[in-house]
Amino acid sequence: MQVKTTVRRQIILAAGSDLLSTFSAQAFNFAVGLYLLALTGSAFSFGLILLIGPCVTLVLAPLVGKLVDAYKHQHLLVISQLFSCGGLVAFLLLLFLLPQQRFVWIILAVILLRALALLTTTAYQTSVVYLVPVTQQQRLNSLEQAANSLATIVAPIIAAAAYTSWGFIWLVYVEIFGELLNLLAFTQLDFNFAGRQQVPKKLAQQRLRQTFNYLWRIPALRLLLLFGLQVNFFISVLNVGLPYVLLRQLHFTNSMYAFTDSMLGIGMVVAGLSLAKRTLRWPLKIIVIGIFIFGGLLFILALVMWLPAYQLLFVCMVNFGLGFCLLIINTLEQTFMQQTVPRQQQGHVFALFSAVVQIMIPLGALFYGYCYDHYSAVWLFAGTGASILLVSGLLWHYYQTVTCQ
């Protein structure tokens, strides 16, 4: 009984802190975009903010992995939150004292926060195996994903209203408050409940190539890496083109577009709550099925372009399905890696995995940005769906061939 109570407390603390911290971070990021757009009047500055995340992850992944495997996770998480709060306070002071350099301070603040967010995310992901028993890891991951999705839905709406009413500075205060709440949660969680982290007395010098070779040597991890690369690349067909298609070609109103966009998050929330109630067997097979459904939904989206009516209904259904599939894929992938990768190597492996798959986000954005200027959205949706089905089928066949040898 005591164990169940502690597990419930651990899950509530972890998922609750995720909800609040994600909400504050999403609200801050949304406000930064609006502030930069108003400050510069250029879409380039907004695009620059989107590129910072993948670039920071790629550059700092080896260092972050080394830190996470060498030091106590709870200590790293607390230090990261303290630096985040200190950096935001310094950012506020610089905005007040040297307002003429606001663009520079914003870019530096975003770089610092993304770097610390990478450290926090990696350290926390590798801590899940110590927070709850192995039978509860999928439940914790799914509830956290649902909390993140809920925060992603609500944060832009509230941030837009707050930005209009009170201005950018108040959303910086919200971000500081969110970091402080996260800091409080990290001090209250028991990081030794499901096992004690063994910190090496002498840090092994694991190079980037060695970590990549480890990822590539194990067929299941190699499959997940290749799946992550293709999903992050192909999802740009939606991130880049869907707003343009719905608003300009299908002539949706802003409120209609916002409603369809919210269905993506609602699908994620429903999937997260569903996964929290049951433990799924054969996670790799379910991930493959989810990716196949993802490709099929893109085919349906292509057909919606030709429908004379009910387009809003079908787009909402497709977005709900996409959100549902993506959360299941992400949750099962994360849980599988936490249970497969040795605990003392998870920092290196998780940081490198995140860096490699995030490279595909800007590449996909550039590729589809070019394609939408030259080709019809119908053929891009259909072609991307077909590519996902073909590539995923080949990867799964290759994996089965390798593991059966």
Protein backbone atom coordinates (compact mmCIF):
# COMPACT_ATOMS: atom_id res chain seq x y z
CA MET A 1 0.00 0.00 0.00
CA GLN A 2 2.82 2.35 0.89
CA VAL A 3 4.56 1.57 -2.41
CA LYS A 4 1.41 2.34 -4.41
CA THR A 5 0.98 5.64 -2.57
CA THR A 6 4.58 6.62 -3.25
CA VAL A 7 4.30 5.66 -6.92
CA ARG A 8 1.15 7.77 -7.23
CA ARG A 9 2.91 10.70 -5.55
CA GLN A 10 5.91 10.36 -7.87
CA ILE A 11 3.68 10.30 -10.97
CA ILE A 12 1.54 13.26 -9.84
CA LEU A 13 4.62 15.35 -9.03
CA ALA A 14 6.35 14.49 -12.31
CA ALA A 15 3.32 14.94 -14.59
CA GLY A 16 2.20 18.09 -12.73
CA SER A 17 5.60 19.74 -13.02
CA ASP A 18 5.67 18.81 -16.72
CA LEU A 19 2.29 20.45 -17.26
CA LEU A 20 3.26 23.71 -15.53
CA SER A 21 6.80 23.95 -16.93
CA THR A 22 5.67 23.15 -20.48
CA PHE A 23 2.87 25.69 -20.22
CA SER A 24 5.24 28.46 -19.08
CA ALA A 25 7.88 27.54 -21.70
CA GLN A 26 5.34 27.38 -24.54
CA ALA A 27 3.80 30.69 -23.47
CA PHE A 28 7.25 32.29 -23.35
CA ASN A 29 8.26 30.90 -26.76
CA PHE A 30 4.99 32.09 -28.30
CA ALA A 31 5.52 35.55 -26.84
CA VAL A 32 9.12 35.64 -28.08
CA GLY A 33 7.89 35.00 -31.63
CA LEU A 34 5.30 37.78 -31.43
CA TYR A 35 7.79 40.17 -29.81
CA LEU A 36 10.47 39.55 -32.43
CA LEU A 37 7.97 39.92 -35.25
CA ALA A 38 6.84 43.26 -33.82
CA LEU A 39 10.43 44.33 -33.14
CA THR A 40 11.95 43.50 -36.52
CA GLY A 41 8.97 43.14 -38.85
CA SER A 42 10.84 40.25 -40.47
CA ALA A 43 9.88 36.60 -40.77
CA PHE A 44 13.61 35.76 -40.87
CA SER A 45 14.00 36.54 -37.18
CA PHE A 46 11.13 34.20 -36.38
CA GLY A 47 12.73 31.47 -38.48
CA LEU A 48 16.02 32.05 -36.68
CA ILE A 49 14.36 31.20 -33.36
CA LEU A 50 13.08 27.91 -34.84
CA LEU A 51 16.59 26.96 -35.96
CA ILE A 52 18.24 27.63 -32.60
CA GLY A 53 16.82 24.50 -30.92
CA PRO A 54 18.21 21.89 -33.38
CA CYS A 55 21.55 23.72 -33.66
CA VAL A 56 22.02 23.91 -29.88
CA THR A 57 21.07 20.24 -29.52
CA LEU A 58 23.52 19.16 -32.21
CA VAL A 59 26.45 21.16 -30.79
CA LEU A 60 25.92 20.38 -27.10
CA ALA A 61 24.70 16.77 -27.28
CA PRO A 62 28.13 15.18 -26.56
CA LEU A 63 28.76 17.46 -23.56
CA VAL A 64 25.27 16.98 -22.15
CA GLY A 65 25.50 13.21 -22.50
CA LYS A 66 28.81 13.21 -20.66
CA LEU A 67 27.44 15.35 -17.82
CA VAL A 68 24.30 13.24 -17.39
CA ASP A 69 26.26 9.98 -17.18
CA ALA A 70 28.86 11.47 -14.81
CA TYR A 71 26.80 13.28 -12.16
CA LYS A 72 23.69 12.81 -10.06
CA HIS A 73 20.63 13.53 -12.16
CA GLN A 74 18.80 15.36 -9.39
CA HIS A 75 21.78 17.67 -8.86
CA LEU A 76 21.96 18.45 -12.58
CA LEU A 77 18.22 19.16 -12.73
CA VAL A 78 18.34 21.53 -9.77
CA ILE A 79 21.41 23.34 -11.11
CA SER A 80 19.80 23.64 -14.55
CA GLN A 81 16.65 25.21 -13.08
CA LEU A 82 18.69 27.63 -10.96
CA PHE A 83 20.66 28.73 -14.03
CA SER A 84 17.42 29.12 -16.00
CA CYS A 85 15.95 31.40 -13.32
CA GLY A 86 19.19 33.36 -13.05
CA GLY A 87 19.43 33.71 -16.82
CA LEU A 88 15.87 35.00 -17.08
CA VAL A 89 16.45 37.55 -14.31
CA ALA A 90 19.61 38.74 -16.09
CA PHE A 91 17.62 38.89 -19.34
CA LEU A 92 15.03 41.15 -17.69
CA LEU A 93 17.74 43.44 -16.31
CA LEU A 94 19.41 43.75 -19.72
CA LEU A 95 16.07 44.57 -21.36
CA PHE A 96 15.55 47.41 -18.88
CA LEU A 97 19.15 48.70 -18.83
CA LEU A 98 20.11 48.28 -22.52
CA PRO A 99 16.83 48.21 -24.47
CA GLN A 100 18.52 49.19 -27.74
CA GLN A 101 20.09 45.71 -27.89
CA ARG A 102 16.84 43.84 -27.30
CA PHE A 103 17.23 41.56 -30.32
CA VAL A 104 20.66 40.39 -29.14
CA TRP A 105 19.43 39.73 -25.60
CA ILE A 106 16.47 37.71 -26.87
CA ILE A 107 18.67 35.52 -29.08
CA LEU A 108 21.14 34.93 -26.22
CA ALA A 109 18.31 34.15 -23.80
CA VAL A 110 16.76 31.65 -26.21
CA ILE A 111 20.15 29.94 -26.75
CA LEU A 112 20.74 29.69 -22.99
CA LEU A 113 17.25 28.36 -22.28
CA ARG A 114 17.44 25.80 -25.10
CA ALA A 115 20.83 24.58 -23.84
CA LEU A 116 19.53 24.22 -20.29
CA ALA A 117 16.32 22.62 -21.56
CA LEU A 118 18.44 20.01 -23.37
CA LEU A 119 20.29 19.25 -20.12
CA THR A 120 17.03 19.11 -18.15
CA THR A 121 15.25 16.89 -20.68
CA THR A 122 18.15 14.44 -21.03
CA ALA A 123 18.78 14.22 -17.28
CA TYR A 124 15.08 13.73 -16.58
CA GLN A 125 14.55 11.08 -19.29
CA THR A 126 17.41 9.05 -17.84
CA SER A 127 15.94 9.48 -14.34
CA VAL A 128 12.60 7.82 -15.09
CA VAL A 129 14.10 4.37 -14.40
CA TYR A 130 14.85 5.55 -10.85
CA LEU A 131 11.57 7.39 -10.24
CA VAL A 132 9.08 4.56 -10.75
CA PRO A 133 9.21 0.75 -11.14
CA VAL A 134 9.59 -0.63 -14.65
CA THR A 135 5.90 -1.60 -14.74
CA GLN A 136 4.92 2.06 -14.26
CA GLN A 137 7.33 3.68 -16.71
CA GLN A 138 4.95 3.62 -19.68
CA ARG A 139 2.21 5.08 -17.49
CA LEU A 140 4.45 7.92 -16.33
CA ASN A 141 5.72 8.65 -19.85
CA SER A 142 2.22 8.66 -21.34
CA LEU A 143 0.79 10.96 -18.65
CA GLU A 144 3.71 13.35 -19.09
CA GLN A 145 3.18 13.37 -22.86
CA ALA A 146 -0.53 14.06 -22.30
CA ALA A 147 0.32 16.89 -19.89
CA ASN A 148 2.74 18.39 -22.41
CA SER A 149 0.12 18.20 -25.15
CA LEU A 150 -2.52 19.84 -22.97
CA ALA A 151 -0.10 22.65 -22.12
CA THR A 152 0.73 23.06 -25.82
CA ILE A 153 -2.97 23.50 -26.62
CA VAL A 154 -3.73 26.00 -23.86
CA ALA A 155 -0.48 28.01 -23.71
CA PRO A 156 -0.69 29.89 -27.07
CA ILE A 157 -4.28 30.96 -26.39
CA ILE A 158 -3.51 32.35 -22.94
CA ALA A 159 -0.16 33.75 -24.06
CA ALA A 160 -1.79 35.66 -26.92
CA ALA A 161 -4.33 37.21 -24.55
CA ALA A 162 -1.66 38.02 -21.93
CA TYR A 163 0.70 39.48 -24.53
CA THR A 164 -2.05 41.73 -25.87
CA SER A 165 -3.19 42.84 -22.42
CA TRP A 166 0.03 43.07 -20.39
CA GLY A 167 2.96 42.84 -22.80
CA PHE A 168 6.02 40.64 -23.24
CA ILE A 169 7.64 41.27 -19.85
CA TRP A 170 4.81 39.63 -17.93
CA LEU A 171 5.31 36.41 -19.86
CA VAL A 172 8.97 36.43 -18.83
CA TYR A 173 7.70 36.52 -15.24
CA VAL A 174 5.45 33.54 -16.04
CA GLU A 175 8.47 31.62 -17.37
CA ILE A 176 10.48 32.38 -14.21
CA PHE A 177 7.55 31.19 -12.09
CA GLY A 178 7.34 27.99 -14.13
CA GLU A 179 11.07 27.33 -13.69
CA LEU A 180 10.74 27.83 -9.92
CA LEU A 181 7.84 25.37 -9.74
CA ASN A 182 9.89 22.85 -11.70
CA LEU A 183 12.78 23.39 -9.29
CA LEU A 184 10.45 22.72 -6.35
CA ALA A 185 9.19 19.51 -7.97
CA PHE A 186 12.74 18.23 -8.57
CA THR A 187 13.59 18.75 -4.91
CA GLN A 188 10.49 16.80 -3.82
CA LEU A 189 10.81 13.81 -6.16
CA ASP A 190 12.55 10.71 -4.82
CA PHE A 191 15.25 9.91 -7.39
CA ASN A 192 16.21 6.70 -5.57
CA PHE A 193 12.76 5.16 -5.26
CA ALA A 194 13.15 2.49 -7.98
CA GLY A 195 16.93 2.14 -7.76
CA ARG A 196 20.01 4.11 -6.87
CA GLN A 197 22.02 5.83 -9.58
CA GLN A 198 25.59 4.59 -9.67
CA VAL A 199 27.87 7.55 -10.39
CA PRO A 200 31.22 6.39 -11.80
CA LYS A 201 34.29 7.40 -9.80
CA LYS A 202 36.16 7.94 -13.02
CA LEU A 203 34.27 9.07 -16.11
CA ALA A 204 34.75 6.82 -19.12
CA GLN A 205 35.83 8.80 -22.16
CA GLN A 206 33.04 7.76 -24.49
CA ARG A 207 33.40 9.49 -27.81
CA LEU A 208 30.56 10.55 -30.06
CA ARG A 209 31.46 7.83 -32.56
CA GLN A 210 31.33 5.15 -29.86
CA THR A 211 27.86 6.25 -28.80
CA PHE A 212 26.65 6.26 -32.39
CA ASN A 213 28.18 2.82 -32.97
CA TYR A 214 26.30 1.55 -29.91
CA LEU A 215 23.01 2.95 -31.30
CA TRP A 216 23.70 1.46 -34.72
CA ARG A 217 24.90 -1.94 -33.44
CA ILE A 218 21.62 -2.86 -31.73
CA PRO A 219 18.95 -3.55 -34.40
CA ALA A 220 16.00 -2.27 -32.34
CA LEU A 221 17.72 1.03 -31.51
CA ARG A 222 18.86 1.39 -35.12
CA LEU A 223 15.27 0.91 -36.24
CA LEU A 224 14.01 3.56 -33.80
CA LEU A 225 16.71 5.99 -34.94
CA LEU A 226 15.77 5.56 -38.61
CA PHE A 227 12.07 5.86 -37.78
CA GLY A 228 12.78 9.07 -35.84
CA LEU A 229 14.72 10.51 -38.77
CA GLN A 230 11.95 9.87 -41.28
CA VAL A 231 9.09 11.03 -39.03
CA ASN A 232 10.86 14.30 -38.16
CA PHE A 233 11.61 14.92 -41.82
CA PHE A 234 8.22 14.02 -43.27
CA ILE A 235 6.20 15.79 -40.58
CA SER A 236 7.41 19.06 -42.11
CA VAL A 237 4.86 18.49 -44.87
CA LEU A 238 2.29 19.45 -42.20
CA ASN A 239 4.27 22.03 -40.23
CA VAL A 240 5.21 23.98 -43.36
CA GLY A 241 2.21 23.55 -45.63
CA LEU A 242 -0.93 22.81 -43.63
CA PRO A 243 -1.55 26.40 -42.39
CA TYR A 244 -1.14 27.74 -45.93
CA VAL A 245 -3.36 25.04 -47.45
CA LEU A 246 -6.19 25.45 -44.93
CA LEU A 247 -6.21 29.26 -44.87
CA ARG A 248 -5.43 30.07 -48.50
CA GLN A 249 -6.62 27.13 -50.59
CA LEU A 250 -9.52 25.78 -48.54
CA HIS A 251 -10.39 29.28 -47.26
CA PHE A 252 -10.81 28.31 -43.62
CA THR A 253 -11.36 31.20 -41.22
CA ASN A 254 -8.82 31.81 -38.45
CA SER A 255 -11.17 30.28 -35.89
CA MET A 256 -11.70 27.20 -38.08
CA TYR A 257 -7.94 26.79 -38.46
CA ALA A 258 -7.39 27.18 -34.72
CA PHE A 259 -10.05 24.52 -34.08
CA THR A 260 -8.44 22.03 -36.48
CA ASP A 261 -5.02 22.72 -34.95
CA SER A 262 -6.35 22.07 -31.45
CA MET A 263 -7.54 18.61 -32.55
CA LEU A 264 -3.90 17.57 -32.93
CA GLY A 265 -3.29 18.30 -29.25
CA ILE A 266 -6.59 16.74 -28.20
CA GLY A 267 -5.60 13.54 -30.00
CA MET A 268 -2.34 13.53 -28.06
CA VAL A 269 -4.09 14.05 -24.73
CA VAL A 270 -6.56 11.22 -25.42
CA ALA A 271 -3.71 8.90 -26.47
CA GLY A 272 -1.70 9.76 -23.36
CA LEU A 273 -4.62 9.06 -21.04
CA SER A 274 -5.37 5.81 -22.87
CA LEU A 275 -1.77 4.58 -22.61
CA ALA A 276 -1.70 5.41 -18.90
CA LYS A 277 -4.39 2.78 -18.26
CA ARG A 278 -2.70 -0.18 -19.95
CA THR A 279 0.74 -1.56 -20.69
CA LEU A 280 1.18 -2.38 -24.36
CA ARG A 281 3.14 -5.43 -25.41
CA TRP A 282 5.30 -5.56 -28.54
CA PRO A 283 6.11 -1.82 -28.57
CA LEU A 284 8.14 -1.97 -31.81
CA LYS A 285 5.23 -3.50 -33.74
CA ILE A 286 2.84 -0.88 -32.38
CA ILE A 287 5.29 1.89 -33.34
CA VAL A 288 5.42 0.52 -36.89
CA ILE A 289 1.61 0.33 -37.05
CA GLY A 290 1.42 3.93 -35.77
CA ILE A 291 3.80 5.13 -38.49
CA PHE A 292 1.80 3.25 -41.16
CA ILE A 293 -1.40 4.94 -39.92
CA PHE A 294 0.44 8.28 -39.99
CA GLY A 295 1.24 7.71 -43.68
CA GLY A 296 -2.32 6.63 -44.41
CA LEU A 297 -3.75 9.75 -42.78
CA LEU A 298 -1.65 11.89 -45.13
CA PHE A 299 -3.34 10.08 -48.04
CA ILE A 300 -6.73 10.94 -46.54
CA LEU A 301 -5.62 14.57 -46.17
CA ALA A 302 -4.77 14.61 -49.89
CA LEU A 303 -8.26 13.32 -50.71
CA VAL A 304 -9.84 16.01 -48.50
CA MET A 305 -8.46 18.61 -50.92
CA TRP A 306 -10.81 17.24 -53.59
CA LEU A 307 -13.92 17.00 -51.42
CA PRO A 308 -16.65 19.55 -52.20
CA ALA A 309 -17.98 19.50 -48.60
CA TYR A 310 -17.28 18.36 -45.04
CA GLN A 311 -13.66 19.43 -45.33
CA LEU A 312 -13.57 20.84 -41.79
CA LEU A 313 -14.86 17.56 -40.34
CA PHE A 314 -12.34 15.43 -42.20
CA VAL A 315 -9.39 17.71 -41.39
CA CYS A 316 -10.34 17.58 -37.70
CA MET A 317 -10.53 13.78 -37.84
CA VAL A 318 -7.14 13.55 -39.58
CA ASN A 319 -5.49 15.92 -37.10
CA PHE A 320 -6.93 14.00 -34.17
CA GLY A 321 -5.60 10.76 -35.63
CA LEU A 322 -2.18 12.29 -36.29
CA GLY A 323 -1.92 13.55 -32.72
CA PHE A 324 -3.03 10.17 -31.35
CA CYS A 325 -0.47 8.26 -33.44
CA LEU A 326 2.43 10.63 -32.79
CA LEU A 327 2.01 10.48 -29.01
CA ILE A 328 1.85 6.68 -29.00
CA ILE A 329 4.98 6.52 -31.17
CA ASN A 330 6.88 8.97 -28.95
CA THR A 331 5.80 7.37 -25.67
CA LEU A 332 6.58 3.79 -26.67
CA GLU A 333 9.88 4.82 -28.23
CA GLN A 334 10.94 6.67 -25.07
CA THR A 335 9.85 3.84 -22.77
CA PHE A 336 11.54 1.19 -24.91
CA MET A 337 14.84 3.07 -24.89
CA GLN A 338 14.68 3.65 -21.12
CA GLN A 339 14.22 -0.07 -20.60
CA THR A 340 16.78 -1.18 -23.22
CA VAL A 341 19.77 1.16 -22.90
CA PRO A 342 22.01 0.47 -19.85
CA ARG A 343 21.44 3.11 -17.18
CA GLN A 344 25.06 4.25 -17.10
CA GLN A 345 24.96 4.98 -20.87
CA GLN A 346 21.56 6.64 -21.17
CA GLY A 347 22.89 10.20 -20.98
CA HIS A 348 25.15 9.77 -24.01
CA VAL A 349 22.60 7.76 -25.98
CA PHE A 350 19.56 9.97 -25.31
CA ALA A 351 21.45 13.20 -26.06
CA LEU A 352 22.87 11.87 -29.33
CA PHE A 353 19.54 10.35 -30.39
CA SER A 354 17.78 13.67 -29.81
CA ALA A 355 20.48 15.60 -31.70
CA VAL A 356 20.45 13.31 -34.73
CA VAL A 357 16.67 13.18 -35.20
CA GLN A 358 16.29 16.94 -34.67
CA ILE A 359 18.62 17.61 -37.60
CA MET A 360 15.81 16.48 -39.88
CA ILE A 361 13.42 19.22 -38.71
CA PRO A 362 15.16 22.18 -40.43
CA LEU A 363 16.09 19.98 -43.41
CA GLY A 364 12.48 18.95 -43.82
CA ALA A 365 11.33 22.56 -43.48
CA LEU A 366 13.73 23.67 -46.22
CA PHE A 367 12.76 20.79 -48.50
CA TYR A 368 9.00 21.24 -48.17
CA GLY A 369 9.30 25.02 -48.23
CA TYR A 370 10.78 24.64 -51.71
CA CYS A 371 8.28 21.97 -52.77
CA TYR A 372 5.21 24.01 -51.82
CA ASP A 373 6.40 26.77 -54.13
CA HIS A 374 6.54 24.39 -57.10
CA TYR A 375 4.08 21.52 -56.53
CA SER A 376 0.46 21.01 -55.53
CA ALA A 377 -0.29 20.27 -51.87
CA VAL A 378 -2.40 17.28 -52.96
CA TRP A 379 0.57 15.54 -54.53
CA LEU A 380 2.86 16.49 -51.66
CA PHE A 381 0.50 14.97 -49.06
CA ALA A 382 -0.04 11.84 -51.17
CA GLY A 383 3.64 11.51 -52.07
CA THR A 384 4.74 11.92 -48.48
CA GLY A 385 2.18 9.35 -47.30
CA ALA A 386 3.42 6.89 -49.92
CA SER A 387 7.05 7.55 -48.96
CA ILE A 388 6.30 6.90 -45.28
CA LEU A 389 4.57 3.61 -46.09
CA LEU A 390 7.36 2.50 -48.43
CA VAL A 391 10.30 3.51 -46.20
CA SER A 392 8.68 2.13 -43.05
CA GLY A 393 7.86 -1.15 -44.73
CA LEU A 394 11.44 -1.54 -45.99
CA LEU A 395 12.89 -0.67 -42.56
CA TRP A 396 10.62 -3.16 -40.78
CA HIS A 397 11.45 -5.88 -43.31
CA TYR A 398 15.17 -5.17 -42.87
CA TYR A 399 14.83 -5.29 -39.07
CA GLN A 400 13.03 -8.65 -39.19
CA THR A 401 15.65 -10.03 -41.57
CA VAL A 402 18.52 -8.94 -39.30
CA THR A 403 16.95 -10.24 -36.07
CA CYS A 404 16.02 -13.61 -37.61
CA GLN A 405 19.58 -14.36 -38.70
